[in-house]
Each structure stands twice: as structure tokens, then as C-alpha cells.
Amino acid sequence: MSGRSERDLALARQARMVALVIAGTMLVWMTAQWVGGQLGWQARFVFLFDLAALAAFVWAFVVTYQIWRKRRDNQG
């Protein structure tokens, strides 16, 4: 085998999910900003996309921190 434990594979899956959430959030947020400008959406409506993006980034930060802690605990 490659020497990877089931825990390492689970952490790698979590890290990939975080990466996809960050990339997807940026794409959706940038698209929403552009569409909002083109269609003349009110700022308070576009602000909802900002809040959703912030929530996704906070979630990604928290999960990244958890991954970091789990890997650090594994090594030590």
C-alpha cells in the first residue's frame, strides 16, 4: 500500500472540499457582482451575495483550521 491511513485520506477529502468551496464561492460571488452591475440591482440585494460569500469563507477557514489541528495531532 501507499502507507496512507484512512484518517489521512479523510483529511485529504476534507481539504479538497474546502478548496472547491473557496473556488466556487469566488466564481459565484464575482458573477453575482458582475450580473448585479449589468442589471442594476440595488446594493442591498447584492450585499446578500457578499454575506453569503463571507459565510462560505468563514466555514472554509474553520474547516481548514480543524484539518491543520488534526494533522498536527497526528504527527505529534
PDB file of N, CA and C in Angstrom:
ATOM      1  N   MET A   1       0.830  -1.195   0.000  1.00  0.00           N
ATOM      2  CA  MET A   1       0.000   0.000   0.000  1.00  0.00           C
ATOM      3  C   MET A   1       0.868   1.249   0.000  1.00  0.00           C
ATOM      4  N   SER A   2       0.253   2.363  -0.138  1.00  0.00           N
ATOM      5  CA  SER A   2       0.986   3.620  -0.227  1.00  0.00           C
ATOM      6  C   SER A   2       1.362   4.164   1.143  1.00  0.00           C
ATOM      7  N   GLY A   3       0.912   3.538   2.204  1.00  0.00           N
ATOM      8  CA  GLY A   3       1.270   3.995   3.534  1.00  0.00           C
ATOM      9  C   GLY A   3       0.338   5.045   4.093  1.00  0.00           C
ATOM     10  N   ARG A   4      -0.702   5.378   3.378  1.00  0.00           N
ATOM     11  CA  ARG A   4      -1.650   6.380   3.869  1.00  0.00           C
ATOM     12  C   ARG A   4      -2.730   5.702   4.690  1.00  0.00           C
ATOM     13  N   SER A   5      -3.012   6.294   5.812  1.00  0.00           N
ATOM     14  CA  SER A   5      -4.066   5.739   6.658  1.00  0.00           C
ATOM     15  C   SER A   5      -5.422   6.268   6.200  1.00  0.00           C
ATOM     16  N   GLU A   6      -6.443   5.646   6.722  1.00  0.00           N
ATOM     17  CA  GLU A   6      -7.808   6.076   6.395  1.00  0.00           C
ATOM     18  C   GLU A   6      -8.045   7.505   6.875  1.00  0.00           C
ATOM     19  N   ARG A   7      -7.434   7.855   7.977  1.00  0.00           N
ATOM     20  CA  ARG A   7      -7.574   9.219   8.523  1.00  0.00           C
ATOM     21  C   ARG A   7      -6.938  10.252   7.593  1.00  0.00           C
ATOM     22  N   ASP A   8      -5.769   9.902   7.043  1.00  0.00           N
ATOM     23  CA  ASP A   8      -5.112  10.815   6.100  1.00  0.00           C
ATOM     24  C   ASP A   8      -5.953  11.027   4.849  1.00  0.00           C
ATOM     25  N   LEU A   9      -6.566   9.957   4.368  1.00  0.00           N
ATOM     26  CA  LEU A   9      -7.420  10.072   3.190  1.00  0.00           C
ATOM     27  C   LEU A   9      -8.656  10.923   3.478  1.00  0.00           C
ATOM     28  N   ALA A  10      -9.213  10.786   4.675  1.00  0.00           N
ATOM     29  CA  ALA A  10     -10.372  11.602   5.055  1.00  0.00           C
ATOM     30  C   ALA A  10      -9.991  13.076   5.138  1.00  0.00           C
ATOM     31  N   LEU A  11      -8.818  13.356   5.683  1.00  0.00           N
ATOM     32  CA  LEU A  11      -8.353  14.746   5.762  1.00  0.00           C
ATOM     33  C   LEU A  11      -8.103  15.320   4.367  1.00  0.00           C
ATOM     34  N   ALA A  12      -7.580  14.493   3.470  1.00  0.00           N
ATOM     35  CA  ALA A  12      -7.351  14.947   2.092  1.00  0.00           C
ATOM     36  C   ALA A  12      -8.681  15.250   1.398  1.00  0.00           C
ATOM     37  N   ARG A  13      -9.696  14.415   1.637  1.00  0.00           N
ATOM     38  CA  ARG A  13     -11.030  14.685   1.060  1.00  0.00           C
ATOM     39  C   ARG A  13     -11.594  15.989   1.602  1.00  0.00           C
ATOM     40  N   GLN A  14     -11.419  16.218   2.906  1.00  0.00           N
ATOM     41  CA  GLN A  14     -11.894  17.463   3.505  1.00  0.00           C
ATOM     42  C   GLN A  14     -11.177  18.659   2.903  1.00  0.00           C
ATOM     43  N   ALA A  15      -9.882  18.541   2.712  1.00  0.00           N
ATOM     44  CA  ALA A  15      -9.105  19.645   2.142  1.00  0.00           C
ATOM     45  C   ALA A  15      -9.550  19.944   0.708  1.00  0.00           C
ATOM     46  N   ARG A  16      -9.833  18.897  -0.074  1.00  0.00           N
ATOM     47  CA  ARG A  16     -10.328  19.111  -1.439  1.00  0.00           C
ATOM     48  C   ARG A  16     -11.678  19.813  -1.426  1.00  0.00           C
ATOM     49  N   MET A  17     -12.536  19.443  -0.474  1.00  0.00           N
ATOM     50  CA  MET A  17     -13.840  20.092  -0.384  1.00  0.00           C
ATOM     51  C   MET A  17     -13.685  21.574  -0.047  1.00  0.00           C
ATOM     52  N   VAL A  18     -12.778  21.885   0.860  1.00  0.00           N
ATOM     53  CA  VAL A  18     -12.533  23.284   1.213  1.00  0.00           C
ATOM     54  C   VAL A  18     -12.050  24.051  -0.015  1.00  0.00           C
ATOM     55  N   ALA A  19     -11.143  23.454  -0.773  1.00  0.00           N
ATOM     56  CA  ALA A  19     -10.629  24.121  -1.976  1.00  0.00           C
ATOM     57  C   ALA A  19     -11.750  24.377  -2.979  1.00  0.00           C
ATOM     58  N   LEU A  20     -12.626  23.400  -3.162  1.00  0.00           N
ATOM     59  CA  LEU A  20     -13.745  23.581  -4.089  1.00  0.00           C
ATOM     60  C   LEU A  20     -14.714  24.650  -3.603  1.00  0.00           C
ATOM     61  N   VAL A  21     -14.957  24.697  -2.299  1.00  0.00           N
ATOM     62  CA  VAL A  21     -15.858  25.722  -1.755  1.00  0.00           C
ATOM     63  C   VAL A  21     -15.264  27.109  -1.956  1.00  0.00           C
ATOM     64  N   ILE A  22     -13.973  27.256  -1.701  1.00  0.00           N
ATOM     65  CA  ILE A  22     -13.336  28.567  -1.871  1.00  0.00           C
ATOM     66  C   ILE A  22     -13.390  28.998  -3.343  1.00  0.00           C
ATOM     67  N   ALA A  23     -13.017  28.100  -4.242  1.00  0.00           N
ATOM     68  CA  ALA A  23     -13.019  28.443  -5.665  1.00  0.00           C
ATOM     69  C   ALA A  23     -14.441  28.714  -6.165  1.00  0.00           C
ATOM     70  N   GLY A  24     -15.371  27.869  -5.787  1.00  0.00           N
ATOM     71  CA  GLY A  24     -16.756  28.059  -6.204  1.00  0.00           C
ATOM     72  C   GLY A  24     -17.364  29.330  -5.660  1.00  0.00           C
ATOM     73  N   THR A  25     -17.060  29.636  -4.419  1.00  0.00           N
ATOM     74  CA  THR A  25     -17.572  30.864  -3.807  1.00  0.00           C
ATOM     75  C   THR A  25     -17.062  32.086  -4.552  1.00  0.00           C
ATOM     76  N   MET A  26     -15.783  32.083  -4.885  1.00  0.00           N
ATOM     77  CA  MET A  26     -15.227  33.227  -5.616  1.00  0.00           C
ATOM     78  C   MET A  26     -15.892  33.389  -6.975  1.00  0.00           C
ATOM     79  N   LEU A  27     -16.080  32.280  -7.677  1.00  0.00           N
ATOM     80  CA  LEU A  27     -16.710  32.365  -9.005  1.00  0.00           C
ATOM     81  C   LEU A  27     -18.151  32.859  -8.911  1.00  0.00           C
ATOM     82  N   VAL A  28     -18.912  32.313  -7.966  1.00  0.00           N
ATOM     83  CA  VAL A  28     -20.309  32.737  -7.807  1.00  0.00           C
ATOM     84  C   VAL A  28     -20.375  34.193  -7.367  1.00  0.00           C
ATOM     85  N   TRP A  29     -19.517  34.579  -6.441  1.00  0.00           N
ATOM     86  CA  TRP A  29     -19.537  35.955  -5.937  1.00  0.00           C
ATOM     87  C   TRP A  29     -19.173  36.949  -7.050  1.00  0.00           C
ATOM     88  N   MET A  30     -18.118  36.632  -7.810  1.00  0.00           N
ATOM     89  CA  MET A  30     -17.715  37.539  -8.885  1.00  0.00           C
ATOM     90  C   MET A  30     -18.796  37.625  -9.965  1.00  0.00           C
ATOM     91  N   THR A  31     -19.420  36.502 -10.273  1.00  0.00           N
ATOM     92  CA  THR A  31     -20.501  36.506 -11.257  1.00  0.00           C
ATOM     93  C   THR A  31     -21.680  37.324 -10.759  1.00  0.00           C
ATOM     94  N   ALA A  32     -22.035  37.161  -9.500  1.00  0.00           N
ATOM     95  CA  ALA A  32     -23.156  37.918  -8.928  1.00  0.00           C
ATOM     96  C   ALA A  32     -22.865  39.419  -8.941  1.00  0.00           C
ATOM     97  N   GLN A  33     -21.634  39.800  -8.668  1.00  0.00           N
ATOM     98  CA  GLN A  33     -21.268  41.212  -8.703  1.00  0.00           C
ATOM     99  C   GLN A  33     -21.397  41.765 -10.117  1.00  0.00           C
ATOM    100  N   TRP A  34     -20.931  40.992 -11.084  1.00  0.00           N
ATOM    101  CA  TRP A  34     -20.995  41.448 -12.475  1.00  0.00           C
ATOM    102  C   TRP A  34     -22.449  41.534 -12.952  1.00  0.00           C
ATOM    103  N   VAL A  35     -23.227  40.477 -12.682  1.00  0.00           N
ATOM    104  CA  VAL A  35     -24.625  40.464 -13.103  1.00  0.00           C
ATOM    105  C   VAL A  35     -25.392  41.591 -12.407  1.00  0.00           C
ATOM    106  N   GLY A  36     -25.116  41.792 -11.135  1.00  0.00           N
ATOM    107  CA  GLY A  36     -25.777  42.870 -10.401  1.00  0.00           C
ATOM    108  C   GLY A  36     -25.493  44.234 -11.005  1.00  0.00           C
ATOM    109  N   GLY A  37     -24.263  44.440 -11.442  1.00  0.00           N
ATOM    110  CA  GLY A  37     -23.920  45.704 -12.084  1.00  0.00           C
ATOM    111  C   GLY A  37     -24.585  45.868 -13.437  1.00  0.00           C
ATOM    112  N   GLN A  38     -24.656  44.783 -14.194  1.00  0.00           N
ATOM    113  CA  GLN A  38     -25.275  44.837 -15.518  1.00  0.00           C
ATOM    114  C   GLN A  38     -26.782  45.057 -15.449  1.00  0.00           C
ATOM    115  N   LEU A  39     -27.427  44.454 -14.454  1.00  0.00           N
ATOM    116  CA  LEU A  39     -28.879  44.548 -14.339  1.00  0.00           C
ATOM    117  C   LEU A  39     -29.344  45.677 -13.418  1.00  0.00           C
ATOM    118  N   GLY A  40     -28.396  46.346 -12.807  1.00  0.00           N
ATOM    119  CA  GLY A  40     -28.744  47.475 -11.956  1.00  0.00           C
ATOM    120  C   GLY A  40     -29.418  47.079 -10.642  1.00  0.00           C
ATOM    121  N   TRP A  41     -28.999  45.949 -10.084  1.00  0.00           N
ATOM    122  CA  TRP A  41     -29.559  45.525  -8.803  1.00  0.00           C
ATOM    123  C   TRP A  41     -29.235  46.542  -7.723  1.00  0.00           C
ATOM    124  N   GLN A  42     -30.110  46.642  -6.747  1.00  0.00           N
ATOM    125  CA  GLN A  42     -29.866  47.533  -5.612  1.00  0.00           C
ATOM    126  C   GLN A  42     -28.708  46.983  -4.787  1.00  0.00           C
ATOM    127  N   ALA A  43     -27.995  47.894  -4.147  1.00  0.00           N
ATOM    128  CA  ALA A  43     -26.824  47.496  -3.363  1.00  0.00           C
ATOM    129  C   ALA A  43     -27.193  46.559  -2.220  1.00  0.00           C
ATOM    130  N   ARG A  44     -28.354  46.744  -1.627  1.00  0.00           N
ATOM    131  CA  ARG A  44     -28.725  45.876  -0.507  1.00  0.00           C
ATOM    132  C   ARG A  44     -28.967  44.442  -0.961  1.00  0.00           C
ATOM    133  N   PHE A  45     -29.403  44.242  -2.213  1.00  0.00           N
ATOM    134  CA  PHE A  45     -29.585  42.892  -2.731  1.00  0.00           C
ATOM    135  C   PHE A  45     -28.236  42.243  -3.028  1.00  0.00           C
ATOM    136  N   VAL A  46     -27.350  43.004  -3.629  1.00  0.00           N
ATOM    137  CA  VAL A  46     -26.014  42.483  -3.935  1.00  0.00           C
ATOM    138  C   VAL A  46     -25.255  42.193  -2.639  1.00  0.00           C
ATOM    139  N   PHE A  47     -25.548  42.947  -1.594  1.00  0.00           N
ATOM    140  CA  PHE A  47     -24.913  42.739  -0.295  1.00  0.00           C
ATOM    141  C   PHE A  47     -25.220  41.345   0.255  1.00  0.00           C
ATOM    142  N   LEU A  48     -26.361  40.772  -0.101  1.00  0.00           N
ATOM    143  CA  LEU A  48     -26.682  39.411   0.326  1.00  0.00           C
ATOM    144  C   LEU A  48     -25.667  38.408  -0.227  1.00  0.00           C
ATOM    145  N   PHE A  49     -25.216  38.625  -1.450  1.00  0.00           N
ATOM    146  CA  PHE A  49     -24.183  37.755  -2.012  1.00  0.00           C
ATOM    147  C   PHE A  49     -22.860  37.934  -1.261  1.00  0.00           C
ATOM    148  N   ASP A  50     -22.583  39.159  -0.843  1.00  0.00           N
ATOM    149  CA  ASP A  50     -21.377  39.401  -0.051  1.00  0.00           C
ATOM    150  C   ASP A  50     -21.436  38.632   1.266  1.00  0.00           C
ATOM    151  N   LEU A  51     -22.577  38.678   1.924  1.00  0.00           N
ATOM    152  CA  LEU A  51     -22.724  37.968   3.198  1.00  0.00           C
ATOM    153  C   LEU A  51     -22.625  36.460   3.009  1.00  0.00           C
ATOM    154  N   ALA A  52     -23.217  35.943   1.946  1.00  0.00           N
ATOM    155  CA  ALA A  52     -23.131  34.511   1.667  1.00  0.00           C
ATOM    156  C   ALA A  52     -21.679  34.100   1.400  1.00  0.00           C
ATOM    157  N   ALA A  53     -20.948  34.928   0.661  1.00  0.00           N
ATOM    158  CA  ALA A  53     -19.542  34.635   0.383  1.00  0.00           C
ATOM    159  C   ALA A  53     -18.731  34.673   1.676  1.00  0.00           C
ATOM    160  N   LEU A  54     -18.984  35.650   2.522  1.00  0.00           N
ATOM    161  CA  LEU A  54     -18.280  35.712   3.806  1.00  0.00           C
ATOM    162  C   LEU A  54     -18.566  34.481   4.646  1.00  0.00           C
ATOM    163  N   ALA A  55     -19.808  34.043   4.664  1.00  0.00           N
ATOM    164  CA  ALA A  55     -20.160  32.840   5.425  1.00  0.00           C
ATOM    165  C   ALA A  55     -19.414  31.624   4.890  1.00  0.00           C
ATOM    166  N   ALA A  56     -19.321  31.494   3.582  1.00  0.00           N
ATOM    167  CA  ALA A  56     -18.599  30.362   2.991  1.00  0.00           C
ATOM    168  C   ALA A  56     -17.114  30.433   3.330  1.00  0.00           C
ATOM    169  N   PHE A  57     -16.537  31.629   3.300  1.00  0.00           N
ATOM    170  CA  PHE A  57     -15.123  31.763   3.632  1.00  0.00           C
ATOM    171  C   PHE A  57     -14.858  31.494   5.109  1.00  0.00           C
ATOM    172  N   VAL A  58     -15.752  31.902   5.976  1.00  0.00           N
ATOM    173  CA  VAL A  58     -15.596  31.607   7.411  1.00  0.00           C
ATOM    174  C   VAL A  58     -15.663  30.097   7.617  1.00  0.00           C
ATOM    175  N   TRP A  59     -16.625  29.436   6.957  1.00  0.00           N
ATOM    176  CA  TRP A  59     -16.723  27.977   7.066  1.00  0.00           C
ATOM    177  C   TRP A  59     -15.421  27.331   6.581  1.00  0.00           C
ATOM    178  N   ALA A  60     -14.907  27.789   5.449  1.00  0.00           N
ATOM    179  CA  ALA A  60     -13.680  27.220   4.899  1.00  0.00           C
ATOM    180  C   ALA A  60     -12.502  27.442   5.849  1.00  0.00           C
ATOM    181  N   PHE A  61     -12.429  28.603   6.476  1.00  0.00           N
ATOM    182  CA  PHE A  61     -11.360  28.875   7.426  1.00  0.00           C
ATOM    183  C   PHE A  61     -11.457  27.943   8.627  1.00  0.00           C
ATOM    184  N   VAL A  62     -12.656  27.760   9.154  1.00  0.00           N
ATOM    185  CA  VAL A  62     -12.846  26.896  10.327  1.00  0.00           C
ATOM    186  C   VAL A  62     -12.464  25.452   9.987  1.00  0.00           C
ATOM    187  N   VAL A  63     -12.900  24.964   8.847  1.00  0.00           N
ATOM    188  CA  VAL A  63     -12.575  23.589   8.463  1.00  0.00           C
ATOM    189  C   VAL A  63     -11.084  23.442   8.195  1.00  0.00           C
ATOM    190  N   THR A  64     -10.467  24.442   7.588  1.00  0.00           N
ATOM    191  CA  THR A  64      -9.023  24.408   7.357  1.00  0.00           C
ATOM    192  C   THR A  64      -8.276  24.359   8.676  1.00  0.00           C
ATOM    193  N   TYR A  65      -8.721  25.124   9.648  1.00  0.00           N
ATOM    194  CA  TYR A  65      -8.102  25.107  10.977  1.00  0.00           C
ATOM    195  C   TYR A  65      -8.255  23.727  11.622  1.00  0.00           C
ATOM    196  N   GLN A  66      -9.428  23.120  11.471  1.00  0.00           N
ATOM    197  CA  GLN A  66      -9.637  21.780  12.024  1.00  0.00           C
ATOM    198  C   GLN A  66      -8.728  20.756  11.359  1.00  0.00           C
ATOM    199  N   ILE A  67      -8.559  20.861  10.053  1.00  0.00           N
ATOM    200  CA  ILE A  67      -7.661  19.955   9.339  1.00  0.00           C
ATOM    201  C   ILE A  67      -6.236  20.138   9.847  1.00  0.00           C
ATOM    202  N   TRP A  68      -5.818  21.364   9.992  1.00  0.00           N
ATOM    203  CA  TRP A  68      -4.471  21.652  10.472  1.00  0.00           C
ATOM    204  C   TRP A  68      -4.251  21.053  11.858  1.00  0.00           C
ATOM    205  N   ARG A  69      -5.245  21.218  12.745  1.00  0.00           N
ATOM    206  CA  ARG A  69      -5.125  20.664  14.102  1.00  0.00           C
ATOM    207  C   ARG A  69      -5.060  19.146  14.081  1.00  0.00           C
ATOM    208  N   LYS A  70      -5.891  18.517  13.256  1.00  0.00           N
ATOM    209  CA  LYS A  70      -5.888  17.054  13.186  1.00  0.00           C
ATOM    210  C   LYS A  70      -4.559  16.531  12.648  1.00  0.00           C
ATOM    211  N   ARG A  71      -4.016  17.190  11.645  1.00  0.00           N
ATOM    212  CA  ARG A  71      -2.718  16.740  11.103  1.00  0.00           C
ATOM    213  C   ARG A  71      -1.603  16.958  12.104  1.00  0.00           C
ATOM    214  N   ARG A  72      -1.665  18.059  12.824  1.00  0.00           N
ATOM    215  CA  ARG A  72      -0.647  18.334  13.839  1.00  0.00           C
ATOM    216  C   ARG A  72      -0.725  17.313  14.960  1.00  0.00           C
ATOM    217  N   ASP A  73      -1.940  16.949  15.361  1.00  0.00           N
ATOM    218  CA  ASP A  73      -2.112  15.944  16.411  1.00  0.00           C
ATOM    219  C   ASP A  73      -1.652  14.566  15.947  1.00  0.00           C
ATOM    220  N   ASN A  74      -1.832  14.274  14.670  1.00  0.00           N
ATOM    221  CA  ASN A  74      -1.383  13.001  14.101  1.00  0.00           C
ATOM    222  C   ASN A  74       0.122  12.863  14.157  1.00  0.00           C
ATOM    223  N   GLN A  75       0.821  13.957  13.887  1.00  0.00           N
ATOM    224  CA  GLN A  75       2.280  13.915  13.828  1.00  0.00           C
ATOM    225  C   GLN A  75       2.919  13.897  15.210  1.00  0.00           C
ATOM    226  N   GLY A  76       2.266  14.545  16.163  1.00  0.00           N
ATOM    227  CA  GLY A  76       2.871  14.693  17.491  1.00  0.00           C
ATOM    228  C   GLY A  76       2.479  13.702  18.467  1.00  0.00           C
TER     229      GLY A  76
END
